[in-house]
Amino acid sequence: MNNVAHDYAKIIQSADLEKEINPLCTNIDDMLARLDEFETLLASVRAESNGMMANNVCSILAFSDNFDQLRKRIDSLEQFVGCVSANLGEVERAVDISEEELHVTDYSIKGLLIKPLKAKLAASDSSSSSGQPRTNLVEGKFQPFQIYKSDDYFGKVEEETPAEMILSGQLE
C-alpha cells in the first residue's frame, strides 16, 4: 500500500499542474466573456421588442375602428373575385361555342383567318343537319351576357377634372 501511495506521489510531483490547468482557465474565461456578450445582446433585444410591442399595440388599437371597414372591403373583394370567375367561365364557354361554329382548331394566323371562311361556305352549302348545334346566336345575332360592374363592389369612383387636380395639388 505504501508503494502505491509513493508511486502516486511521484506522478503528482512530476506533473506540471500549471500547464494542465491554464488552458482550462483560458477556455472558461472565454466562455464567460461570450456569455456576458450574449446577456447584453439579449437585454438589448428585449428592450427593443418591448418598445416595438408598445408602439404596435397602440397602432393596432388605433386602427381597430377601421378593421370593420377593411373586413367589408375584403368581403366585397371576395364576392368580386367570385363574380369575375363566373364571368370568365361564361366567356370561355362562349369562345368554345364560337370556335365550334367556326371550326377553329388551328390557332395560327392562317387557321384563324382562312378556316372560318371555309367553314362558313361549307355550312351554307350543307344547311341540312339533323341535330341542333350549340350556338351563341339568338335570331342570327350574337347576344353578349351581362358582366360585372366594378362600381357594384367598390363604389362609384368620382373622377376629378384636371382643374380640380391642379387646385388640390395633385397635378402641376
Foldseek 3Di string as FASTA:
>chain_A
DVVVVVVVVVVVVPDDVCVVCVVVVVVVVVVVVVVVVVVVVVVVVVVVVVVVCVVVVVVCVVCVVCVVVVVLLVVLVVVVVVQVVVLVVVVVVQVVLVCVQQVQDDPDPCSVPPSSVVSVVVCVVPVDDDDDRDHCDDPRDHDDDDGDDVCVRVNDDDDDDPVVCVVVPNHD
